[in-house]
Amino acid sequence: MDRRWYSSTAPWGIAPSARRRRSRKRLPRIALSSHIDTAARVEVPALVMDGGASLQFMPFMRASAERLAGAMPNATHRVLEGQTHDVDIAVLAPVLIDYLT
């Protein structure tokens, strides 16, 4: 196969996974502190939630949610016990109704 032809017709060239890995390395890393600084300027009420079941696998999510809610002047933090990132609507709905009413 003529590689020049393939590279010119395929958007990712011969090795798409290698190209994507290289492109990820070029993305700037944004520090959490910059997001916290931005969140501190949010004055509208906000609900920050995290799943209780995610704590075992991703403990940074709880810490991030707590930090984010703590930085926002009008934020409320809720833990959805027994939930992961894929939240059950039966658990989410009552929390949202309580917050919005």
C-alpha atoms as a PDB file:
ATOM      1  CA  MET A   1       0.000   0.000   0.000  1.00  0.00           C
ATOM      2  CA  ASP A   2       1.232   3.479  -0.838  1.00  0.00           C
ATOM      3  CA  ARG A   3       1.328   5.219   2.559  1.00  0.00           C
ATOM      4  CA  ARG A   4       1.267   8.683   1.036  1.00  0.00           C
ATOM      5  CA  TRP A   5      -2.095   7.924  -0.574  1.00  0.00           C
ATOM      6  CA  TYR A   6      -3.532   6.512   2.674  1.00  0.00           C
ATOM      7  CA  SER A   7      -2.292   9.467   4.720  1.00  0.00           C
ATOM      8  CA  SER A   8      -3.787  11.958   2.326  1.00  0.00           C
ATOM      9  CA  THR A   9      -7.203  10.246   2.297  1.00  0.00           C
ATOM     10  CA  ALA A  10      -7.546   9.179   5.938  1.00  0.00           C
ATOM     11  CA  PRO A  11      -7.866  11.974   8.494  1.00  0.00           C
ATOM     12  CA  TRP A  12      -5.815  10.111  11.116  1.00  0.00           C
ATOM     13  CA  GLY A  13      -3.206   8.655   8.752  1.00  0.00           C
ATOM     14  CA  ILE A  14      -1.674   5.220   9.268  1.00  0.00           C
ATOM     15  CA  ALA A  15      -1.696   5.079  13.074  1.00  0.00           C
ATOM     16  CA  PRO A  16      -4.787   6.840  14.450  1.00  0.00           C
ATOM     17  CA  SER A  17      -4.275   5.745  18.050  1.00  0.00           C
ATOM     18  CA  ALA A  18      -0.668   6.986  18.100  1.00  0.00           C
ATOM     19  CA  ARG A  19      -1.745  10.322  16.653  1.00  0.00           C
ATOM     20  CA  ARG A  20      -4.462  10.756  19.269  1.00  0.00           C
ATOM     21  CA  ARG A  21      -2.004   9.946  22.075  1.00  0.00           C
ATOM     22  CA  ARG A  22       0.391  12.598  20.798  1.00  0.00           C
ATOM     23  CA  SER A  23      -2.374  15.180  20.481  1.00  0.00           C
ATOM     24  CA  ARG A  24      -3.481  14.597  24.091  1.00  0.00           C
ATOM     25  CA  LYS A  25      -0.002  15.436  25.322  1.00  0.00           C
ATOM     26  CA  ARG A  26      -0.227  18.837  23.669  1.00  0.00           C
ATOM     27  CA  LEU A  27      -3.386  19.879  25.495  1.00  0.00           C
ATOM     28  CA  PRO A  28      -2.700  22.334  28.308  1.00  0.00           C
ATOM     29  CA  ARG A  29      -3.264  21.052  31.810  1.00  0.00           C
ATOM     30  CA  ILE A  30      -5.604  23.363  33.667  1.00  0.00           C
ATOM     31  CA  ALA A  31      -5.117  23.454  37.396  1.00  0.00           C
ATOM     32  CA  LEU A  32      -8.142  22.867  39.609  1.00  0.00           C
ATOM     33  CA  SER A  33      -7.338  26.138  41.356  1.00  0.00           C
ATOM     34  CA  SER A  34      -8.152  28.106  38.198  1.00  0.00           C
ATOM     35  CA  HIS A  35     -11.581  26.461  38.074  1.00  0.00           C
ATOM     36  CA  ILE A  36     -12.116  27.174  41.764  1.00  0.00           C
ATOM     37  CA  ASP A  37     -11.229  30.832  41.184  1.00  0.00           C
ATOM     38  CA  THR A  38     -13.779  30.981  38.376  1.00  0.00           C
ATOM     39  CA  ALA A  39     -16.419  29.207  40.471  1.00  0.00           C
ATOM     40  CA  ALA A  40     -15.922  31.711  43.287  1.00  0.00           C
ATOM     41  CA  ARG A  41     -17.314  34.389  40.970  1.00  0.00           C
ATOM     42  CA  VAL A  42     -20.565  32.482  40.333  1.00  0.00           C
ATOM     43  CA  GLU A  43     -23.214  34.256  42.366  1.00  0.00           C
ATOM     44  CA  VAL A  44     -26.339  32.368  41.274  1.00  0.00           C
ATOM     45  CA  PRO A  45     -27.571  29.467  43.378  1.00  0.00           C
ATOM     46  CA  ALA A  46     -25.969  26.191  42.335  1.00  0.00           C
ATOM     47  CA  LEU A  47     -26.354  22.550  43.264  1.00  0.00           C
ATOM     48  CA  VAL A  48     -23.157  20.494  43.266  1.00  0.00           C
ATOM     49  CA  MET A  49     -23.653  16.744  43.537  1.00  0.00           C
ATOM     50  CA  ASP A  50     -21.483  13.665  43.665  1.00  0.00           C
ATOM     51  CA  GLY A  51     -22.243   9.983  43.999  1.00  0.00           C
ATOM     52  CA  GLY A  52     -21.598   8.184  47.249  1.00  0.00           C
ATOM     53  CA  ALA A  53     -20.654   4.972  45.440  1.00  0.00           C
ATOM     54  CA  SER A  54     -17.997   6.786  43.420  1.00  0.00           C
ATOM     55  CA  LEU A  55     -15.996   7.550  46.558  1.00  0.00           C
ATOM     56  CA  GLN A  56     -14.408   4.085  46.522  1.00  0.00           C
ATOM     57  CA  PHE A  57     -13.262   4.312  42.896  1.00  0.00           C
ATOM     58  CA  MET A  58     -12.779   8.055  42.434  1.00  0.00           C
ATOM     59  CA  PRO A  59     -12.203   9.763  45.798  1.00  0.00           C
ATOM     60  CA  PHE A  60     -11.040  12.912  44.030  1.00  0.00           C
ATOM     61  CA  MET A  61     -14.618  13.489  42.837  1.00  0.00           C
ATOM     62  CA  ARG A  62     -15.892  14.027  46.394  1.00  0.00           C
ATOM     63  CA  ALA A  63     -13.004  16.325  47.236  1.00  0.00           C
ATOM     64  CA  SER A  64     -13.543  18.280  44.010  1.00  0.00           C
ATOM     65  CA  ALA A  65     -17.285  18.600  44.610  1.00  0.00           C
ATOM     66  CA  GLU A  66     -16.730  19.783  48.181  1.00  0.00           C
ATOM     67  CA  ARG A  67     -14.090  22.280  47.093  1.00  0.00           C
ATOM     68  CA  LEU A  68     -16.237  23.568  44.265  1.00  0.00           C
ATOM     69  CA  ALA A  69     -19.319  23.991  46.460  1.00  0.00           C
ATOM     70  CA  GLY A  70     -17.204  25.611  49.156  1.00  0.00           C
ATOM     71  CA  ALA A  71     -15.837  28.162  46.713  1.00  0.00           C
ATOM     72  CA  MET A  72     -19.211  29.183  45.309  1.00  0.00           C
ATOM     73  CA  PRO A  73     -20.965  31.679  47.566  1.00  0.00           C
ATOM     74  CA  ASN A  74     -24.480  30.302  46.948  1.00  0.00           C
ATOM     75  CA  ALA A  75     -23.784  26.616  46.371  1.00  0.00           C
ATOM     76  CA  THR A  76     -25.280  23.573  48.036  1.00  0.00           C
ATOM     77  CA  HIS A  77     -23.471  20.229  48.043  1.00  0.00           C
ATOM     78  CA  ARG A  78     -25.406  16.967  48.071  1.00  0.00           C
ATOM     79  CA  VAL A  79     -24.098  13.412  48.075  1.00  0.00           C
ATOM     80  CA  LEU A  80     -26.291  10.940  46.210  1.00  0.00           C
ATOM     81  CA  GLU A  81     -25.741   7.858  48.347  1.00  0.00           C
ATOM     82  CA  GLY A  82     -25.304   4.590  46.489  1.00  0.00           C
ATOM     83  CA  GLN A  83     -24.895   6.383  43.154  1.00  0.00           C
ATOM     84  CA  THR A  84     -22.062   6.537  40.664  1.00  0.00           C
ATOM     85  CA  HIS A  85     -21.699   8.887  37.707  1.00  0.00           C
ATOM     86  CA  ASP A  86     -24.608   6.995  36.102  1.00  0.00           C
ATOM     87  CA  VAL A  87     -27.279   8.325  38.470  1.00  0.00           C
ATOM     88  CA  ASP A  88     -30.652   6.615  38.872  1.00  0.00           C
ATOM     89  CA  ILE A  89     -33.406   9.119  38.068  1.00  0.00           C
ATOM     90  CA  ALA A  90     -35.402   7.837  41.051  1.00  0.00           C
ATOM     91  CA  VAL A  91     -32.585   9.056  43.315  1.00  0.00           C
ATOM     92  CA  LEU A  92     -31.837  12.256  41.403  1.00  0.00           C
ATOM     93  CA  ALA A  93     -35.407  13.548  40.995  1.00  0.00           C
ATOM     94  CA  PRO A  94     -36.239  14.019  44.706  1.00  0.00           C
ATOM     95  CA  VAL A  95     -32.953  15.852  45.291  1.00  0.00           C
ATOM     96  CA  LEU A  96     -33.633  18.208  42.394  1.00  0.00           C
ATOM     97  CA  ILE A  97     -37.255  18.776  43.471  1.00  0.00           C
ATOM     98  CA  ASP A  98     -36.147  19.541  47.017  1.00  0.00           C
ATOM     99  CA  TYR A  99     -33.485  21.948  45.789  1.00  0.00           C
ATOM    100  CA  LEU A 100     -35.707  23.744  43.281  1.00  0.00           C
ATOM    101  CA  THR A 101     -38.722  24.193  45.571  1.00  0.00           C
END
